[in-house]
Amino acid sequence: MTAFLALIRKDLQLYLSERRALLMHVIMPIVLAAFFGFLFGGSGKHETSKIDIAVVQQDTGVLGQRIGAGLAADPNLHVSVLSLEAAREQVRKGKQKVAIVIPPGFGAAAGKALFGAGERPSLELLYDPSEGAVLGMVKGLLTQQVMQHVSSEMMSGPSGQQFIDESLLALAHKDDAETRRLQQLLVEVKHYQQRQPGAAGQAAPAGLSMPFATRDQAIVAGAAMANYNGYAHSFAGMSVQFILFMGIDMGIGILLARRSGIWNRLLAAPVSLHTVLLARAASAALIASGLMAVVFGVAILVFKVSIGNPLGFVLVALSFALFTACFGLLIAAFGKTPEAARGLAVFATLILVMLGGAWAPSFIFPPWMQTATLAVPTRWAVDGLDAMTWRGLGLEAALVPAAIQLGFALLFGVLALWKFSADARRA
């Protein structure tokens, strides 16, 4: 036991003496987590940013102008009125996400199309291909504005009255049951128009509007998590990534010791191979736990990340630390040279953190990918940390992620011990 503790103390001293590696494993996850957390919504206390769009106002009619003004007044949009050429250029350069072109005569044509008396006019939408999701939101807001103003004009405005008069005149020479019913409908609409304040020069009614409103309520497990904190997920993801990089360094250190002959001299001492490997795994797990504590300490103190269940958080963090240690042993056991092993291990780690949802939350993955990544240990590490932080779930939500990580740690550890033992027998 004395030799085991001495080996752990030696590894910790060596790691702490490498200030460059220490800064890499502590500062980088904090910096990147702060950056991604800000992109994902930060602490959730600031207002949602408006969508930048451009409007090309080619329709100079009253209805076309009202549609443009309605878009400008929408609280979800930041509208810039531009020429067609300027709008195309700004969308091409990414300065505007979407540009709406309201063509000449659009309002009048839309009014006729509302009653099926003409072809539907088109609105041209110029959009940045990287902003496909924004395009869908803009289409919804545009539909609301067009329907509201077109229906208002057709039911009570002068354009609607003119359309009704023209339609009644066109139907006057027809005499069948369907035409008579349509004439009766148009006459009733005309009577309605004449009773509206808009017919006397006053403001017209608002027209069709959204028949419902929404009340947004974030559902979380505890009152402490009332505001979603985007930093919580980012710190979980970046901690997982850079602690795994530390595990890679631990494994590469063993390969470098082999190359220099230090490993053979260490094994020549009165200490077993298993003791040396277990001591190296224990020291790596301690370092990983310390890094997790420091990084999340900054997250709590500076970025107001809350931990709903401290015991569950410790359980997930310790299981990931053990997984990291065994991952490093696996790299050392099967790596041929430090250079080749480092390149392959970094590539494997980046794949693990990408599929594990460390960069972007796994719930935005396609359904088939969400199912496939359940076989990735880092997915359980990130989900477990999320459950203990911004989701505010209880201890039971930490048990499965911790158990699966420990299962992978056991698998990697057994494989590493088997390979080291086989190599020692051949030597």
Foldseek 3Di string as FASTA:
>chain_A
DVVLVVLLVVVLVVVVVPVVLVCLLFVVLLVQLVVLLVVVCAQQPDDDDAAEEEEAQAAPDPLSVQLVVQQCPDPRHPYHYDHPVVRLVCQVVVVHAKYKYQHYPQLLQCLCVVVPNHDHDDIDMDGNVVPPVVVVVVVVSSVQSSQQSSQQCLQANPSVLVVLVVVLVVLVPDDDPVSVVVNVVSVVSNVRNCPAPVVVVDDTDRGDHPPDDDDDADDFDDPLLRGFGSSLLLSLLSLLLSLLVVLQVLLLVLQVCVVVVVVVVVCVPPDHPVSSLVSSLVSQLVVSLVSSCSSVVCCCPPRVWFFLEVVLLSLLSSLSSLLSSLLSLLLNLPPDHSVVSSVVSNVVSVVLSVLLCSSHRNVVPPPVSNVVSVLRLSVLSSQSSCCRINRSHYNVSSVVSSVVSNVSSVVSNVVSVVSVVVVVVVD
